[in-house]
Structures are given as structure tokens and as C-alpha cells.
Amino acid sequence: MAALLEEIRSGAFAREWAEEVARGAPRLAEAVTRAAADPIEAARVSAVGGGAVAGERPGESRKALSKN
């Protein structure tokens, strides 16, 4: 935990993610894909109904929401 806090304080975390975004965020896209395939996501969809998450309008992707 201390090492993670130091990454944030030093700015290393921000630099890493700025580079990730500049490359088109491939690691983030892969993480989203893995999360969508996780069994807990099927349970969330079942519980929420329709798959919407808080703040998401039907038919609107999370990616679209992140650009607002």
C-alpha cells in the first residue's frame, strides 16, 4: 500500500496513465473486456436488469459516457 501511495505522490501513476491514454488505452480496453467476461458481471446484469449501470441510459455505452 505504501508503494502505491508513493507512485501517486511522485506522479509516476499519472505519467503511466497519460502514456496509456496517448497509446489509445489498450490496457484499459483489455481490462474492460476481461471484466465484462467475469461471472460477477453476469450476476450484476441479472440483478440490475438490462445491464445498465448507475448513470447509464439504455443503449448508451460506458465509453460514450466517459467522453461527456
PDB file of N, CA and C in Angstrom:
ATOM      1  N   MET A   1       0.828  -1.188   0.000  1.00  0.00           N
ATOM      2  CA  MET A   1       0.000   0.000   0.000  1.00  0.00           C
ATOM      3  C   MET A   1       0.874   1.254   0.000  1.00  0.00           C
ATOM      4  N   ALA A   2       1.938   1.224   0.751  1.00  0.00           N
ATOM      5  CA  ALA A   2       2.840   2.376   0.807  1.00  0.00           C
ATOM      6  C   ALA A   2       3.483   2.630  -0.556  1.00  0.00           C
ATOM      7  N   ALA A   3       3.822   1.556  -1.272  1.00  0.00           N
ATOM      8  CA  ALA A   3       4.445   1.706  -2.591  1.00  0.00           C
ATOM      9  C   ALA A   3       3.456   2.345  -3.574  1.00  0.00           C
ATOM     10  N   LEU A   4       2.196   1.958  -3.492  1.00  0.00           N
ATOM     11  CA  LEU A   4       1.176   2.552  -4.365  1.00  0.00           C
ATOM     12  C   LEU A   4       0.998   4.034  -4.070  1.00  0.00           C
ATOM     13  N   LEU A   5       0.971   4.380  -2.792  1.00  0.00           N
ATOM     14  CA  LEU A   5       0.844   5.783  -2.413  1.00  0.00           C
ATOM     15  C   LEU A   5       2.030   6.592  -2.927  1.00  0.00           C
ATOM     16  N   GLU A   6       3.215   6.012  -2.877  1.00  0.00           N
ATOM     17  CA  GLU A   6       4.402   6.706  -3.368  1.00  0.00           C
ATOM     18  C   GLU A   6       4.324   6.923  -4.880  1.00  0.00           C
ATOM     19  N   GLU A   7       3.776   5.947  -5.622  1.00  0.00           N
ATOM     20  CA  GLU A   7       3.588   6.115  -7.075  1.00  0.00           C
ATOM     21  C   GLU A   7       2.684   7.306  -7.363  1.00  0.00           C
ATOM     22  N   ILE A   8       1.655   7.454  -6.545  1.00  0.00           N
ATOM     23  CA  ILE A   8       0.726   8.572  -6.735  1.00  0.00           C
ATOM     24  C   ILE A   8       1.407   9.883  -6.373  1.00  0.00           C
ATOM     25  N   ARG A   9       2.051   9.906  -5.243  1.00  0.00           N
ATOM     26  CA  ARG A   9       2.715  11.141  -4.785  1.00  0.00           C
ATOM     27  C   ARG A   9       3.813  11.597  -5.730  1.00  0.00           C
ATOM     28  N   SER A  10       4.557  10.649  -6.288  1.00  0.00           N
ATOM     29  CA  SER A  10       5.681  11.007  -7.159  1.00  0.00           C
ATOM     30  C   SER A  10       5.239  11.438  -8.556  1.00  0.00           C
ATOM     31  N   GLY A  11       3.985  11.129  -8.894  1.00  0.00           N
ATOM     32  CA  GLY A  11       3.493  11.447 -10.229  1.00  0.00           C
ATOM     33  C   GLY A  11       3.694  10.318 -11.217  1.00  0.00           C
ATOM     34  N   ALA A  12       4.317   9.213 -10.789  1.00  0.00           N
ATOM     35  CA  ALA A  12       4.566   8.082 -11.686  1.00  0.00           C
ATOM     36  C   ALA A  12       3.263   7.485 -12.204  1.00  0.00           C
ATOM     37  N   PHE A  13       2.275   7.379 -11.334  1.00  0.00           N
ATOM     38  CA  PHE A  13       0.980   6.824 -11.739  1.00  0.00           C
ATOM     39  C   PHE A  13       0.340   7.694 -12.824  1.00  0.00           C
ATOM     40  N   ALA A  14       0.343   8.996 -12.639  1.00  0.00           N
ATOM     41  CA  ALA A  14      -0.247   9.918 -13.618  1.00  0.00           C
ATOM     42  C   ALA A  14       0.494   9.839 -14.951  1.00  0.00           C
ATOM     43  N   ARG A  15       1.815   9.760 -14.909  1.00  0.00           N
ATOM     44  CA  ARG A  15       2.601   9.656 -16.146  1.00  0.00           C
ATOM     45  C   ARG A  15       2.282   8.355 -16.873  1.00  0.00           C
ATOM     46  N   GLU A  16       2.188   7.253 -16.117  1.00  0.00           N
ATOM     47  CA  GLU A  16       1.886   5.954 -16.714  1.00  0.00           C
ATOM     48  C   GLU A  16       0.537   5.977 -17.431  1.00  0.00           C
ATOM     49  N   TRP A  17      -0.476   6.558 -16.785  1.00  0.00           N
ATOM     50  CA  TRP A  17      -1.797   6.581 -17.406  1.00  0.00           C
ATOM     51  C   TRP A  17      -1.896   7.597 -18.525  1.00  0.00           C
ATOM     52  N   ALA A  18      -1.141   8.667 -18.467  1.00  0.00           N
ATOM     53  CA  ALA A  18      -1.107   9.616 -19.580  1.00  0.00           C
ATOM     54  C   ALA A  18      -0.518   8.928 -20.809  1.00  0.00           C
ATOM     55  N   GLU A  19       0.518   8.128 -20.606  1.00  0.00           N
ATOM     56  CA  GLU A  19       1.114   7.367 -21.712  1.00  0.00           C
ATOM     57  C   GLU A  19       0.122   6.327 -22.238  1.00  0.00           C
ATOM     58  N   GLU A  20      -0.599   5.680 -21.339  1.00  0.00           N
ATOM     59  CA  GLU A  20      -1.610   4.694 -21.722  1.00  0.00           C
ATOM     60  C   GLU A  20      -2.675   5.352 -22.614  1.00  0.00           C
ATOM     61  N   VAL A  21      -3.157   6.499 -22.211  1.00  0.00           N
ATOM     62  CA  VAL A  21      -4.180   7.211 -22.986  1.00  0.00           C
ATOM     63  C   VAL A  21      -3.607   7.631 -24.342  1.00  0.00           C
ATOM     64  N   ALA A  22      -2.377   8.085 -24.370  1.00  0.00           N
ATOM     65  CA  ALA A  22      -1.747   8.500 -25.626  1.00  0.00           C
ATOM     66  C   ALA A  22      -1.631   7.336 -26.611  1.00  0.00           C
ATOM     67  N   ARG A  23      -1.516   6.108 -26.097  1.00  0.00           N
ATOM     68  CA  ARG A  23      -1.442   4.912 -26.949  1.00  0.00           C
ATOM     69  C   ARG A  23      -2.823   4.390 -27.326  1.00  0.00           C
ATOM     70  N   GLY A  24      -3.875   5.069 -26.894  1.00  0.00           N
ATOM     71  CA  GLY A  24      -5.231   4.615 -27.207  1.00  0.00           C
ATOM     72  C   GLY A  24      -5.824   3.726 -26.132  1.00  0.00           C
ATOM     73  N   ALA A  25      -5.212   3.674 -24.982  1.00  0.00           N
ATOM     74  CA  ALA A  25      -5.682   2.940 -23.807  1.00  0.00           C
ATOM     75  C   ALA A  25      -5.890   1.439 -24.049  1.00  0.00           C
ATOM     76  N   PRO A  26      -4.924   0.737 -24.658  1.00  0.00           N
ATOM     77  CA  PRO A  26      -5.112  -0.692 -24.912  1.00  0.00           C
ATOM     78  C   PRO A  26      -5.209  -1.529 -23.638  1.00  0.00           C
ATOM     79  N   ARG A  27      -4.447  -1.184 -22.614  1.00  0.00           N
ATOM     80  CA  ARG A  27      -4.520  -1.951 -21.356  1.00  0.00           C
ATOM     81  C   ARG A  27      -5.873  -1.759 -20.695  1.00  0.00           C
ATOM     82  N   LEU A  28      -6.391  -0.538 -20.735  1.00  0.00           N
ATOM     83  CA  LEU A  28      -7.701  -0.266 -20.158  1.00  0.00           C
ATOM     84  C   LEU A  28      -8.784  -1.035 -20.912  1.00  0.00           C
ATOM     85  N   ALA A  29      -8.711  -1.032 -22.245  1.00  0.00           N
ATOM     86  CA  ALA A  29      -9.693  -1.761 -23.054  1.00  0.00           C
ATOM     87  C   ALA A  29      -9.651  -3.254 -22.732  1.00  0.00           C
ATOM     88  N   GLU A  30      -8.464  -3.802 -22.572  1.00  0.00           N
ATOM     89  CA  GLU A  30      -8.328  -5.225 -22.224  1.00  0.00           C
ATOM     90  C   GLU A  30      -8.920  -5.501 -20.843  1.00  0.00           C
ATOM     91  N   ALA A  31      -8.697  -4.609 -19.898  1.00  0.00           N
ATOM     92  CA  ALA A  31      -9.255  -4.788 -18.553  1.00  0.00           C
ATOM     93  C   ALA A  31     -10.779  -4.743 -18.581  1.00  0.00           C
ATOM     94  N   VAL A  32     -11.342  -3.866 -19.384  1.00  0.00           N
ATOM     95  CA  VAL A  32     -12.802  -3.775 -19.510  1.00  0.00           C
ATOM     96  C   VAL A  32     -13.354  -5.054 -20.135  1.00  0.00           C
ATOM     97  N   THR A  33     -12.661  -5.568 -21.147  1.00  0.00           N
ATOM     98  CA  THR A  33     -13.080  -6.812 -21.793  1.00  0.00           C
ATOM     99  C   THR A  33     -13.038  -7.974 -20.806  1.00  0.00           C
ATOM    100  N   ARG A  34     -11.957  -8.072 -20.030  1.00  0.00           N
ATOM    101  CA  ARG A  34     -11.848  -9.146 -19.022  1.00  0.00           C
ATOM    102  C   ARG A  34     -12.943  -9.012 -17.980  1.00  0.00           C
ATOM    103  N   ALA A  35     -13.218  -7.797 -17.548  1.00  0.00           N
ATOM    104  CA  ALA A  35     -14.254  -7.579 -16.531  1.00  0.00           C
ATOM    105  C   ALA A  35     -15.629  -7.963 -17.068  1.00  0.00           C
ATOM    106  N   ALA A  36     -15.903  -7.660 -18.319  1.00  0.00           N
ATOM    107  CA  ALA A  36     -17.201  -7.994 -18.917  1.00  0.00           C
ATOM    108  C   ALA A  36     -17.413  -9.490 -19.001  1.00  0.00           C
ATOM    109  N   ALA A  37     -16.319 -10.247 -19.124  1.00  0.00           N
ATOM    110  CA  ALA A  37     -16.406 -11.703 -19.236  1.00  0.00           C
ATOM    111  C   ALA A  37     -16.441 -12.398 -17.880  1.00  0.00           C
ATOM    112  N   ASP A  38     -16.262 -11.656 -16.806  1.00  0.00           N
ATOM    113  CA  ASP A  38     -16.234 -12.248 -15.469  1.00  0.00           C
ATOM    114  C   ASP A  38     -17.637 -12.664 -15.034  1.00  0.00           C
ATOM    115  N   PRO A  39     -17.776 -13.800 -14.360  1.00  0.00           N
ATOM    116  CA  PRO A  39     -19.093 -14.257 -13.907  1.00  0.00           C
ATOM    117  C   PRO A  39     -19.821 -13.246 -13.015  1.00  0.00           C
ATOM    118  N   ILE A  40     -19.105 -12.435 -12.296  1.00  0.00           N
ATOM    119  CA  ILE A  40     -19.769 -11.457 -11.429  1.00  0.00           C
ATOM    120  C   ILE A  40     -20.530 -10.438 -12.276  1.00  0.00           C
ATOM    121  N   GLU A  41     -20.060 -10.189 -13.506  1.00  0.00           N
ATOM    122  CA  GLU A  41     -20.759  -9.253 -14.393  1.00  0.00           C
ATOM    123  C   GLU A  41     -22.114  -9.824 -14.799  1.00  0.00           C
ATOM    124  N   ALA A  42     -22.185 -11.131 -15.064  1.00  0.00           N
ATOM    125  CA  ALA A  42     -23.471 -11.758 -15.389  1.00  0.00           C
ATOM    126  C   ALA A  42     -24.427 -11.613 -14.207  1.00  0.00           C
ATOM    127  N   ALA A  43     -23.910 -11.758 -12.994  1.00  0.00           N
ATOM    128  CA  ALA A  43     -24.741 -11.593 -11.802  1.00  0.00           C
ATOM    129  C   ALA A  43     -25.217 -10.149 -11.677  1.00  0.00           C
ATOM    130  N   ARG A  44     -24.346  -9.200 -11.979  1.00  0.00           N
ATOM    131  CA  ARG A  44     -24.730  -7.785 -11.912  1.00  0.00           C
ATOM    132  C   ARG A  44     -25.834  -7.484 -12.916  1.00  0.00           C
ATOM    133  N   VAL A  45     -25.668  -7.990 -14.140  1.00  0.00           N
ATOM    134  CA  VAL A  45     -26.675  -7.765 -15.177  1.00  0.00           C
ATOM    135  C   VAL A  45     -28.006  -8.357 -14.739  1.00  0.00           C
ATOM    136  N   SER A  46     -27.958  -9.550 -14.159  1.00  0.00           N
ATOM    137  CA  SER A  46     -29.176 -10.202 -13.683  1.00  0.00           C
ATOM    138  C   SER A  46     -29.841  -9.382 -12.575  1.00  0.00           C
ATOM    139  N   ALA A  47     -29.047  -8.863 -11.676  1.00  0.00           N
ATOM    140  CA  ALA A  47     -29.582  -8.104 -10.545  1.00  0.00           C
ATOM    141  C   ALA A  47     -30.120  -6.742 -10.967  1.00  0.00           C
ATOM    142  N   VAL A  48     -29.427  -6.080 -11.875  1.00  0.00           N
ATOM    143  CA  VAL A  48     -29.804  -4.733 -12.292  1.00  0.00           C
ATOM    144  C   VAL A  48     -30.919  -4.788 -13.334  1.00  0.00           C
ATOM    145  N   GLY A  49     -30.890  -5.802 -14.176  1.00  0.00           N
ATOM    146  CA  GLY A  49     -31.877  -5.921 -15.241  1.00  0.00           C
ATOM    147  C   GLY A  49     -31.509  -5.049 -16.417  1.00  0.00           C
ATOM    148  N   GLY A  50     -31.312  -5.633 -17.545  1.00  0.00           N
ATOM    149  CA  GLY A  50     -30.972  -4.875 -18.738  1.00  0.00           C
ATOM    150  C   GLY A  50     -29.520  -4.490 -18.837  1.00  0.00           C
ATOM    151  N   GLY A  51     -28.779  -4.690 -17.804  1.00  0.00           N
ATOM    152  CA  GLY A  51     -27.350  -4.439 -17.856  1.00  0.00           C
ATOM    153  C   GLY A  51     -26.926  -3.019 -17.587  1.00  0.00           C
ATOM    154  N   ALA A  52     -27.852  -2.099 -17.357  1.00  0.00           N
ATOM    155  CA  ALA A  52     -27.476  -0.707 -17.139  1.00  0.00           C
ATOM    156  C   ALA A  52     -26.780  -0.526 -15.794  1.00  0.00           C
ATOM    157  N   VAL A  53     -25.837   0.368 -15.760  1.00  0.00           N
ATOM    158  CA  VAL A  53     -25.185   0.750 -14.507  1.00  0.00           C
ATOM    159  C   VAL A  53     -25.661   2.142 -14.144  1.00  0.00           C
ATOM    160  N   ALA A  54     -25.437   2.543 -12.931  1.00  0.00           N
ATOM    161  CA  ALA A  54     -25.884   3.860 -12.466  1.00  0.00           C
ATOM    162  C   ALA A  54     -25.393   4.949 -13.409  1.00  0.00           C
ATOM    163  N   GLY A  55     -26.296   5.793 -13.844  1.00  0.00           N
ATOM    164  CA  GLY A  55     -25.935   6.905 -14.703  1.00  0.00           C
ATOM    165  C   GLY A  55     -25.922   6.577 -16.182  1.00  0.00           C
ATOM    166  N   GLU A  56     -26.076   5.296 -16.531  1.00  0.00           N
ATOM    167  CA  GLU A  56     -26.055   4.892 -17.935  1.00  0.00           C
ATOM    168  C   GLU A  56     -27.471   4.822 -18.468  1.00  0.00           C
ATOM    169  N   ARG A  57     -27.689   5.444 -19.606  1.00  0.00           N
ATOM    170  CA  ARG A  57     -29.004   5.399 -20.238  1.00  0.00           C
ATOM    171  C   ARG A  57     -29.076   4.178 -21.147  1.00  0.00           C
ATOM    172  N   PRO A  58     -30.232   3.550 -21.277  1.00  0.00           N
ATOM    173  CA  PRO A  58     -30.359   2.377 -22.142  1.00  0.00           C
ATOM    174  C   PRO A  58     -29.823   2.661 -23.537  1.00  0.00           C
ATOM    175  N   GLY A  59     -29.017   1.735 -24.034  1.00  0.00           N
ATOM    176  CA  GLY A  59     -28.450   1.879 -25.370  1.00  0.00           C
ATOM    177  C   GLY A  59     -27.200   2.730 -25.436  1.00  0.00           C
ATOM    178  N   GLU A  60     -26.776   3.282 -24.323  1.00  0.00           N
ATOM    179  CA  GLU A  60     -25.602   4.151 -24.325  1.00  0.00           C
ATOM    180  C   GLU A  60     -24.435   3.402 -23.696  1.00  0.00           C
ATOM    181  N   SER A  61     -23.308   3.366 -24.384  1.00  0.00           N
ATOM    182  CA  SER A  61     -22.165   2.626 -23.880  1.00  0.00           C
ATOM    183  C   SER A  61     -21.436   3.407 -22.788  1.00  0.00           C
ATOM    184  N   ARG A  62     -20.694   2.686 -21.982  1.00  0.00           N
ATOM    185  CA  ARG A  62     -19.872   3.327 -20.947  1.00  0.00           C
ATOM    186  C   ARG A  62     -18.823   4.211 -21.596  1.00  0.00           C
ATOM    187  N   LYS A  63     -18.295   3.758 -22.747  1.00  0.00           N
ATOM    188  CA  LYS A  63     -17.291   4.554 -23.439  1.00  0.00           C
ATOM    189  C   LYS A  63     -17.868   5.907 -23.849  1.00  0.00           C
ATOM    190  N   ALA A  64     -19.098   5.915 -24.356  1.00  0.00           N
ATOM    191  CA  ALA A  64     -19.734   7.173 -24.739  1.00  0.00           C
ATOM    192  C   ALA A  64     -19.898   8.074 -23.522  1.00  0.00           C
ATOM    193  N   LEU A  65     -20.268   7.486 -22.401  1.00  0.00           N
ATOM    194  CA  LEU A  65     -20.456   8.279 -21.178  1.00  0.00           C
ATOM    195  C   LEU A  65     -19.149   8.908 -20.718  1.00  0.00           C
ATOM    196  N   SER A  66     -18.028   8.203 -20.908  1.00  0.00           N
ATOM    197  CA  SER A  66     -16.757   8.706 -20.426  1.00  0.00           C
ATOM    198  C   SER A  66     -16.288   9.923 -21.205  1.00  0.00           C
ATOM    199  N   LYS A  67     -16.861  10.181 -22.391  1.00  0.00           N
ATOM    200  CA  LYS A  67     -16.457  11.325 -23.198  1.00  0.00           C
ATOM    201  C   LYS A  67     -17.249  12.571 -22.846  1.00  0.00           C
ATOM    202  N   ASN A  68     -18.244  12.443 -21.972  1.00  0.00           N
ATOM    203  CA  ASN A  68     -19.075  13.598 -21.603  1.00  0.00           C
ATOM    204  C   ASN A  68     -18.401  14.440 -20.584  1.00  0.00           C
TER     205      ASN A  68
END
